């Protein structure tokens, strides 16, 4: 009884400390950081575009100086007065993907990216670091935020776009995970269809574990962001539309890859609405989508595979999950080098398997695990994943992250998603 009491006191003390840390360091406001990531044949760089603030902070108030996953880039907030790291954020980006494409070789290019952090009370150094597939630093930039700076725009008076909550958590906004759903390629007259599709998206996600049993930790809000044209751009058909966020298929000449690089417009559309994670629904029956960790999910809302695809892409953008499918004979060393452990929680190269789902394996599970024994070992170490047939391993033979017809996330993904939700909310 003495041990339990001591533990309970320790937990309460930690909770109080977390709350006081946030209140001591930060305002209940959001600081939006807009950057340009660029590159040419020899250089990689980050520059500041602009800073702005908005009322309220919808992100986490615990684990402030920790990262759940390394991602492909990090933002660190360092208190100038004390030298303490007071907040950390990690992400991936379309820019990182572009660096490994043939398009990159054709000439210099830049990408806009926007990120949200809590607004510090004191002068703060902000370090932005971009890493390559080996997690080596390839670009780094530092700048400062000063609460007294008059050129940081406060966007307090911006009227939010029309919106409605599809699902509400019983938790307060500062404790729940806030997911905003945006309309892309829906005209003002089509917003009823958008709200219907947003309802389907939320139902699809919350029908999958662990979101189903942890649904009370999420808010989903649908935001009616109108487009001038109906539909989205399909370059291979010569069909270009004027839409809210300028999304299009054929990203990097991959016909099914649907993305947007106009992230400033995406975040502008959400001004005045609490959000941490973003889903963008495209008003088209073309098949495709994309999901980028801590950036956005973008998926087509009128295709018959809409339901499984939006869940799969949300696994990327929210959960940092890698694709578990692969192509026979291929080894994608540019994406997942086999001499380093990938940061994604659901694939491994066995370089540092201890950091992955190894602790969850049943005793006696063979490593690697033969596919013929998948029925015996539902959680194993199956070769093939991250687009590579050799050298990269996945937790199960089948999973929502491998196959759109498979109904659930595998046990490895379930474990990592559960831990991530707890990271944000506990």
Protein backbone atom coordinates (compact mmCIF):
# COMPACT_ATOMS: atom_id res chain seq x y z
CA UNK A 1 0.00 0.00 0.00
CA UNK A 2 2.89 2.30 0.80
CA UNK A 3 4.37 1.74 -2.70
CA UNK A 4 1.05 2.44 -4.43
CA UNK A 5 0.57 5.64 -2.47
CA UNK A 6 4.07 6.83 -3.33
CA UNK A 7 3.47 6.05 -7.01
CA UNK A 8 0.17 7.92 -7.00
CA UNK A 9 1.79 10.95 -5.41
CA UNK A 10 4.57 10.78 -8.01
CA UNK A 11 2.06 10.68 -10.86
CA UNK A 12 0.12 13.63 -9.47
CA UNK A 13 3.35 15.57 -8.96
CA UNK A 14 4.39 14.85 -12.56
CA UNK A 15 1.00 15.97 -13.86
CA UNK A 16 1.17 19.20 -11.83
CA UNK A 17 4.73 19.78 -13.03
CA UNK A 18 3.70 19.32 -16.67
CA UNK A 19 0.86 21.80 -16.31
CA UNK A 20 3.05 24.33 -14.54
CA UNK A 21 5.83 23.88 -17.14
CA UNK A 22 3.45 24.81 -19.92
CA UNK A 23 1.91 27.72 -18.01
CA UNK A 24 5.34 29.00 -17.00
CA UNK A 25 6.85 28.82 -20.49
CA UNK A 26 3.97 29.47 -22.88
CA UNK A 27 0.93 31.59 -23.55
CA UNK A 28 -2.33 29.89 -24.44
CA UNK A 29 -1.66 30.91 -28.03
CA UNK A 30 -0.24 29.37 -31.21
CA UNK A 31 2.88 30.55 -33.00
CA UNK A 32 2.77 29.64 -36.69
CA UNK A 33 6.13 29.21 -38.37
CA UNK A 34 6.24 29.48 -42.16
CA UNK A 35 9.44 28.33 -43.89
CA UNK A 36 10.84 27.82 -47.36
CA UNK A 37 12.78 24.57 -47.86
CA UNK A 38 14.92 24.64 -50.98
CA UNK A 39 17.71 22.86 -52.80
CA UNK A 40 19.84 22.82 -55.91
CA UNK A 41 22.36 20.26 -57.12
CA UNK A 42 24.72 20.90 -54.20
CA UNK A 43 22.92 22.90 -51.49
CA UNK A 44 20.03 22.36 -49.07
CA UNK A 45 18.61 25.30 -47.17
CA UNK A 46 15.85 26.60 -44.88
CA UNK A 47 14.69 30.22 -44.77
CA UNK A 48 12.01 31.99 -42.75
CA UNK A 49 8.97 33.16 -44.68
CA UNK A 50 6.89 34.70 -41.89
CA UNK A 51 5.68 34.29 -38.30
CA UNK A 52 2.18 34.87 -36.97
CA UNK A 53 0.14 34.11 -33.86
CA UNK A 54 -3.44 33.08 -33.12
CA UNK A 55 -5.43 32.68 -29.91
CA UNK A 56 -5.45 29.27 -28.19
CA UNK A 57 -3.13 26.28 -28.31
CA UNK A 58 -4.64 22.95 -29.37
CA UNK A 59 -1.46 20.89 -29.16
CA UNK A 60 0.01 18.80 -26.39
CA UNK A 61 0.81 20.24 -22.99
CA UNK A 62 2.76 17.22 -21.80
CA UNK A 63 5.98 15.69 -23.13
CA UNK A 64 6.85 19.15 -24.38
CA UNK A 65 10.56 18.58 -24.93
CA UNK A 66 10.21 15.01 -26.24
CA UNK A 67 9.63 13.57 -29.71
CA UNK A 68 7.53 10.47 -30.36
CA UNK A 69 9.40 9.87 -33.65
CA UNK A 70 12.43 11.52 -35.24
CA UNK A 71 10.77 12.24 -38.59
CA UNK A 72 12.80 13.82 -41.38
CA UNK A 73 13.08 17.17 -39.68
CA UNK A 74 12.78 18.79 -36.26
CA UNK A 75 11.92 22.14 -34.77
CA UNK A 76 13.44 22.89 -31.35
CA UNK A 77 12.45 25.84 -29.17
CA UNK A 78 15.26 26.90 -26.80
CA UNK A 79 14.65 29.42 -24.04
CA UNK A 80 17.31 32.11 -24.48
CA UNK A 81 17.46 32.98 -20.79
CA UNK A 82 18.04 29.44 -19.51
CA UNK A 83 19.24 27.46 -22.53
CA UNK A 84 16.51 24.88 -21.88
CA UNK A 85 14.80 23.09 -24.76
CA UNK A 86 11.17 23.88 -24.00
CA UNK A 87 9.39 22.30 -26.99
CA UNK A 88 10.20 19.89 -29.82
CA UNK A 89 8.31 18.98 -32.99
CA UNK A 90 9.17 16.52 -35.76
CA UNK A 91 7.82 16.18 -39.27
CA UNK A 92 8.27 14.90 -42.80
CA UNK A 93 7.67 16.88 -45.97
CA UNK A 94 7.06 16.71 -49.69
CA UNK A 95 10.42 18.45 -50.02
CA UNK A 96 12.20 15.44 -48.54
CA UNK A 97 10.50 13.14 -51.05
CA UNK A 98 11.40 15.45 -53.94
CA UNK A 99 15.09 15.21 -53.05
CA UNK A 100 15.12 11.53 -54.04
CA UNK A 101 13.31 11.99 -57.38
CA UNK A 102 14.59 12.53 -60.90
CA UNK A 103 12.79 15.89 -60.88
CA UNK A 104 15.31 17.19 -58.37
CA UNK A 105 18.07 16.78 -60.96
CA UNK A 106 16.31 19.12 -63.39
CA UNK A 107 17.02 22.28 -61.40
CA UNK A 108 16.60 24.17 -58.10
CA UNK A 109 13.22 24.26 -56.45
CA UNK A 110 11.63 25.32 -53.16
CA UNK A 111 8.68 24.19 -51.04
CA UNK A 112 6.57 26.12 -48.56
CA UNK A 113 5.96 24.51 -45.16
CA UNK A 114 4.00 25.68 -42.12
CA UNK A 115 4.24 24.39 -38.55
CA UNK A 116 2.49 25.17 -35.27
CA UNK A 117 4.17 25.50 -31.87
CA UNK A 118 2.95 27.01 -28.59
CA UNK A 119 3.74 30.71 -28.28
CA UNK A 120 6.64 31.21 -25.84
CA UNK A 121 6.44 33.86 -23.13
CA UNK A 122 10.13 34.73 -23.37
CA UNK A 123 12.71 35.27 -26.07
CA UNK A 124 13.28 31.96 -27.83
CA UNK A 125 15.76 30.55 -30.32
CA UNK A 126 14.11 28.32 -32.90
CA UNK A 127 16.32 25.69 -34.52
CA UNK A 128 15.12 23.97 -37.69
CA UNK A 129 17.03 20.85 -38.74
CA UNK A 130 16.48 18.75 -41.87
CA UNK A 131 17.98 15.27 -42.10
CA UNK A 132 18.54 12.78 -44.90
CA UNK A 133 17.61 9.09 -45.07
CA UNK A 134 20.62 8.26 -42.89
CA UNK A 135 19.42 10.89 -40.37
CA UNK A 136 22.48 12.99 -41.11
CA UNK A 137 21.98 16.73 -40.90
CA UNK A 138 21.66 18.22 -44.38
CA UNK A 139 20.35 21.69 -43.51
CA UNK A 140 20.06 23.71 -40.34
CA UNK A 141 18.84 27.23 -39.60
CA UNK A 142 18.30 29.19 -36.39
CA UNK A 143 16.20 32.30 -35.86
CA UNK A 144 14.64 34.06 -32.89
CA UNK A 145 11.15 34.76 -31.62
CA UNK A 146 10.70 37.77 -29.34
CA UNK A 147 7.24 38.40 -27.83
CA UNK A 148 7.94 42.12 -28.13
CA UNK A 149 8.54 41.96 -31.91
CA UNK A 150 5.91 44.15 -33.57
CA UNK A 151 6.30 42.52 -37.00
CA UNK A 152 4.93 39.14 -35.86
CA UNK A 153 1.32 39.40 -36.98
CA UNK A 154 -1.41 38.56 -34.43
CA UNK A 155 -4.35 37.08 -36.32
CA UNK A 156 -6.89 37.43 -33.54
CA UNK A 157 -9.63 39.07 -35.57
CA UNK A 158 -9.79 36.58 -38.44
CA UNK A 159 -13.30 35.17 -38.86
CA UNK A 160 -13.11 31.36 -39.16
CA UNK A 161 -14.61 29.57 -42.13
CA UNK A 162 -17.96 27.81 -41.60
CA UNK A 163 -17.39 24.51 -39.82
CA UNK A 164 -19.12 21.78 -37.88
CA UNK A 165 -17.88 19.12 -35.50
CA UNK A 166 -18.34 15.56 -36.76
CA UNK A 167 -17.08 14.00 -33.53
CA UNK A 168 -16.43 15.62 -30.16
CA UNK A 169 -14.32 14.41 -27.28
CA UNK A 170 -15.63 14.82 -23.74
CA UNK A 171 -12.15 16.15 -22.91
CA UNK A 172 -11.36 19.85 -23.03
CA UNK A 173 -9.74 21.17 -26.20
CA UNK A 174 -6.33 21.37 -24.50
CA UNK A 175 -6.43 17.63 -23.70
CA UNK A 176 -8.00 16.12 -26.86
CA UNK A 177 -6.31 15.56 -30.23
CA UNK A 178 -7.86 17.99 -32.72
CA UNK A 179 -8.17 16.89 -36.35
CA UNK A 180 -9.44 19.35 -38.96
CA UNK A 181 -10.96 18.14 -42.25
CA UNK A 182 -10.76 20.55 -45.20
CA UNK A 183 -12.71 20.63 -48.47
CA UNK A 184 -10.67 20.63 -51.70
CA UNK A 185 -12.43 21.03 -55.04
CA UNK A 186 -15.88 21.54 -53.52
CA UNK A 187 -17.75 24.65 -54.62
CA UNK A 188 -19.93 26.52 -52.16
CA UNK A 189 -22.96 24.70 -53.59
CA UNK A 190 -21.31 21.31 -52.90
CA UNK A 191 -20.63 21.75 -49.18
CA UNK A 192 -23.42 19.36 -48.16
CA UNK A 193 -21.54 16.67 -50.09
CA UNK A 194 -18.32 17.66 -48.34
CA UNK A 195 -19.88 17.35 -44.89
CA UNK A 196 -21.25 13.93 -45.89
CA UNK A 197 -17.81 12.80 -47.04
CA UNK A 198 -16.22 14.18 -43.87
CA UNK A 199 -18.68 12.09 -41.85
CA UNK A 200 -17.62 8.98 -43.81
CA UNK A 201 -13.95 9.76 -43.22
CA UNK A 202 -14.42 10.10 -39.46
CA UNK A 203 -16.55 6.95 -39.26
CA UNK A 204 -13.92 5.04 -41.23
CA UNK A 205 -11.08 6.11 -38.94
CA UNK A 206 -13.03 5.54 -35.72
CA UNK A 207 -14.10 2.08 -36.90
CA UNK A 208 -10.44 1.03 -36.75
CA UNK A 209 -8.56 0.21 -33.59
CA UNK A 210 -6.99 1.80 -31.68
CA UNK A 211 -8.98 4.89 -32.72
CA UNK A 212 -12.25 3.09 -31.96
CA UNK A 213 -11.49 2.39 -28.31
CA UNK A 214 -9.72 5.76 -27.87
CA UNK A 215 -12.31 7.85 -29.73
CA UNK A 216 -12.95 9.95 -26.64
CA UNK A 217 -9.48 11.47 -27.09
CA UNK A 218 -10.25 12.98 -30.51
CA UNK A 219 -12.12 15.92 -31.98
CA UNK A 220 -12.88 15.95 -35.72
CA UNK A 221 -14.08 19.22 -37.23
CA UNK A 222 -15.11 19.66 -40.89
CA UNK A 223 -14.18 23.06 -42.36
CA UNK A 224 -16.03 24.31 -45.45
CA UNK A 225 -13.16 25.70 -47.55
CA UNK A 226 -14.74 26.54 -50.95
CA UNK A 227 -13.12 26.21 -54.37
CA UNK A 228 -13.90 28.11 -57.54
CA UNK A 229 -14.03 24.90 -59.60
CA UNK A 230 -15.49 21.51 -58.80
CA UNK A 231 -12.98 18.65 -58.76
CA UNK A 232 -9.20 18.64 -58.59
CA UNK A 233 -6.42 18.82 -61.18
CA UNK A 234 -5.47 15.69 -63.13
CA UNK A 235 -2.37 16.68 -65.14
CA UNK A 236 -2.14 13.47 -67.19
CA UNK A 237 -5.56 14.34 -68.64
CA UNK A 238 -4.68 18.00 -69.14
CA UNK A 239 -7.43 18.85 -66.64
CA UNK A 240 -6.47 21.75 -64.37
CA UNK A 241 -8.83 23.20 -61.75
CA UNK A 242 -8.87 26.37 -59.63
CA UNK A 243 -9.19 24.94 -56.15
CA UNK A 244 -8.69 26.09 -52.57
CA UNK A 245 -5.29 24.44 -52.16
CA UNK A 246 -4.11 23.78 -55.71
CA UNK A 247 -3.77 20.03 -55.22
CA UNK A 248 -3.07 17.74 -58.15
CA UNK A 249 -2.38 14.16 -59.10
CA UNK A 250 0.87 13.02 -60.77
CA UNK A 251 3.10 14.43 -58.05
CA UNK A 252 6.66 13.60 -59.13
CA UNK A 253 5.02 12.02 -62.22
CA UNK A 254 3.37 9.32 -60.12
CA UNK A 255 -0.22 9.26 -61.44
CA UNK A 256 -1.86 8.23 -58.15
CA UNK A 257 0.10 10.57 -55.90
CA UNK A 258 -2.24 13.43 -54.95
CA UNK A 259 -0.63 16.28 -52.98
CA UNK A 260 -0.54 20.02 -52.45
CA UNK A 261 2.49 22.23 -51.87
CA UNK A 262 0.38 25.27 -50.92
CA UNK A 263 0.55 24.68 -47.20
CA UNK A 264 0.25 28.36 -46.37
CA UNK A 265 -3.25 28.35 -47.87
CA UNK A 266 -4.08 25.15 -45.97
CA UNK A 267 -3.20 26.72 -42.63
CA UNK A 268 -4.81 30.05 -43.55
CA UNK A 269 -8.10 28.19 -44.04
CA UNK A 270 -7.92 26.87 -40.48
CA UNK A 271 -7.25 30.20 -38.77
CA UNK A 272 -9.50 30.54 -35.73
CA UNK A 273 -10.24 26.80 -35.47
CA UNK A 274 -8.40 24.52 -33.01
CA UNK A 275 -6.39 21.87 -34.88
CA UNK A 276 -3.22 19.78 -34.74
CA UNK A 277 -3.64 17.32 -37.60
CA UNK A 278 -5.12 17.87 -41.05
CA UNK A 279 -7.16 15.75 -43.47
CA UNK A 280 -7.97 17.21 -46.91
CA UNK A 281 -10.78 15.60 -48.90
CA UNK A 282 -10.59 15.93 -52.70
CA UNK A 283 -13.85 16.09 -54.62
CA UNK A 284 -13.03 13.52 -57.32
CA UNK A 285 -13.54 9.88 -58.19
CA UNK A 286 -9.96 9.51 -59.44
CA UNK A 287 -8.02 7.02 -57.31
CA UNK A 288 -5.18 8.38 -55.24
CA UNK A 289 -3.98 10.23 -52.21
CA UNK A 290 -1.03 10.97 -49.99
CA UNK A 291 -0.14 11.22 -46.33
CA UNK A 292 2.88 13.07 -44.89
CA UNK A 293 3.83 12.78 -41.21
CA UNK A 294 2.68 15.79 -39.18
CA UNK A 295 1.70 17.62 -42.36
CA UNK A 296 -1.55 16.35 -43.90
CA UNK A 297 -3.59 13.50 -45.33
CA UNK A 298 -5.06 14.15 -48.78
CA UNK A 299 -7.41 11.61 -50.32
CA UNK A 300 -10.15 11.34 -52.93
CA UNK A 301 -13.64 11.30 -51.49
CA UNK A 302 -15.69 9.86 -54.36
CA UNK A 303 -13.65 6.78 -55.21
CA UNK A 304 -15.06 3.37 -54.10
CA UNK A 305 -11.89 2.83 -52.02
CA UNK A 306 -12.29 6.11 -50.13
CA UNK A 307 -12.90 4.47 -46.76
CA UNK A 308 -9.78 2.28 -46.55
CA UNK A 309 -7.58 4.85 -48.29
CA UNK A 310 -8.37 7.69 -45.88
CA UNK A 311 -7.52 5.38 -42.96
CA UNK A 312 -4.28 4.28 -44.64
CA UNK A 313 -3.20 7.86 -45.37
CA UNK A 314 -4.12 8.98 -41.84
CA UNK A 315 -1.81 6.20 -40.65
CA UNK A 316 0.98 8.04 -42.49
CA UNK A 317 0.18 11.63 -41.49
CA UNK A 318 -0.93 11.07 -37.90
CA UNK A 319 0.87 7.87 -36.97
CA UNK A 320 4.14 8.21 -38.88
CA UNK A 321 3.52 4.71 -40.25
CA UNK A 322 5.46 3.54 -43.29
CA UNK A 323 3.97 1.64 -46.20
CA UNK A 324 4.29 -2.09 -45.58
CA UNK A 325 3.93 -3.08 -49.22
CA UNK A 326 6.90 -3.75 -51.47
CA UNK A 327 7.80 -4.53 -55.04
CA UNK A 328 9.39 -7.86 -55.94
CA UNK A 329 13.09 -7.47 -56.60
CA UNK A 330 13.23 -3.82 -55.55
CA UNK A 331 15.37 -2.40 -52.76
CA UNK A 332 14.65 1.30 -52.16
CA UNK A 333 17.95 2.27 -50.53
CA UNK A 334 17.33 5.97 -51.20
CA UNK A 335 14.20 5.84 -49.05
CA UNK A 336 15.07 3.23 -46.43
CA UNK A 337 18.81 2.45 -46.31
CA UNK A 338 19.34 -0.99 -44.82
CA UNK A 339 22.35 0.07 -42.73
CA UNK A 340 20.31 2.30 -40.41
CA UNK A 341 17.09 1.79 -38.46
CA UNK A 342 14.21 3.77 -40.02
CA UNK A 343 12.38 6.15 -37.70
CA UNK A 344 8.94 4.85 -38.74
CA UNK A 345 7.59 2.61 -35.95
CA UNK A 346 6.19 -0.19 -38.15
CA UNK A 347 9.23 -1.19 -40.22
CA UNK A 348 12.72 -2.29 -39.23
CA UNK A 349 16.02 -3.12 -40.85
CA UNK A 350 16.98 -5.07 -37.68
CA UNK A 351 19.81 -2.59 -37.08
CA UNK A 352 18.05 -1.48 -33.89
CA UNK A 353 15.08 -3.82 -33.60
CA UNK A 354 15.05 -3.31 -29.82
CA UNK A 355 13.54 0.14 -30.48
CA UNK A 356 10.60 -1.33 -32.40
CA UNK A 357 8.03 -4.03 -31.62
CA UNK A 358 10.57 -6.63 -30.48
CA UNK A 359 9.30 -6.46 -26.89
CA UNK A 360 5.82 -7.40 -28.09
CA UNK A 361 6.81 -10.64 -29.85
CA UNK A 362 5.70 -13.92 -28.36
CA UNK A 363 8.56 -16.06 -27.03
CA UNK A 364 9.98 -18.27 -29.74
CA UNK A 365 8.96 -16.02 -32.65
CA UNK A 366 11.53 -16.61 -35.40
CA UNK A 367 13.37 -13.54 -36.65
CA UNK A 368 12.92 -13.18 -39.59
CA UNK A 369 9.50 -14.86 -39.61
CA UNK A 370 8.56 -17.07 -42.60
CA UNK A 371 5.40 -15.88 -44.35
CA UNK A 372 4.15 -19.49 -44.41
CA UNK A 373 3.95 -19.29 -40.60
CA UNK A 374 1.93 -16.06 -40.49
CA UNK A 375 -1.05 -17.87 -38.98
CA UNK A 376 1.10 -19.03 -36.08
CA UNK A 377 2.86 -15.70 -35.54
CA UNK A 378 0.39 -12.83 -36.20
CA UNK A 379 3.07 -10.45 -34.89
CA UNK A 380 6.43 -11.30 -36.36
CA UNK A 381 9.24 -9.94 -38.50
CA UNK A 382 8.29 -10.48 -42.14
CA UNK A 383 10.72 -9.49 -44.88
CA UNK A 384 9.42 -6.90 -47.31
CA UNK A 385 8.21 -3.40 -46.48
CA UNK A 386 8.89 0.25 -47.18
CA UNK A 387 8.79 -0.58 -50.92
CA UNK A 388 11.79 -2.95 -50.54
CA UNK A 389 11.56 -6.70 -51.02
CA UNK A 390 14.80 -7.32 -49.13
CA UNK A 391 16.38 -5.87 -46.02
CA UNK A 392 13.28 -4.13 -44.62
CA UNK A 393 10.81 -5.99 -42.38
CA UNK A 394 7.19 -5.45 -41.37
CA UNK A 395 5.29 -6.64 -38.27
CA UNK A 396 2.66 -8.80 -40.02
CA UNK A 397 1.97 -10.46 -43.31
CA UNK A 398 -1.10 -8.27 -43.91
CA UNK A 399 -2.13 -4.86 -42.58
CA UNK A 400 -4.09 -1.75 -43.53
CA UNK A 401 -0.68 -0.21 -44.26
CA UNK A 402 -0.02 -2.92 -46.84
CA UNK A 403 -3.34 -3.73 -48.44
CA UNK A 404 -6.51 -1.66 -48.92
CA UNK A 405 -8.64 -4.80 -48.73
CA UNK A 406 -7.28 -5.85 -45.34
CA UNK A 407 -9.72 -4.67 -42.66
CA UNK A 408 -7.43 -3.72 -39.75
CA UNK A 409 -4.08 -2.36 -38.72
CA UNK A 410 -1.63 -5.11 -37.80
CA UNK A 411 -0.62 -5.66 -34.18
CA UNK A 412 2.63 -3.73 -34.69
CA UNK A 413 0.77 -0.67 -35.97
CA UNK A 414 -1.85 -1.00 -33.23
CA UNK A 415 0.85 -0.97 -30.60
CA UNK A 416 2.64 2.08 -32.01
CA UNK A 417 -0.59 4.04 -32.65
CA UNK A 418 -1.79 3.37 -29.10
CA UNK A 419 1.51 4.59 -27.67
CA UNK A 420 1.38 7.70 -29.85
CA UNK A 421 -2.15 8.63 -28.76
CA UNK A 422 -1.06 8.25 -25.15
CA UNK A 423 1.99 10.41 -25.83
CA UNK A 424 -0.27 13.24 -27.00
CA UNK A 425 -2.94 12.91 -24.33
CA UNK A 426 -1.38 11.56 -21.12
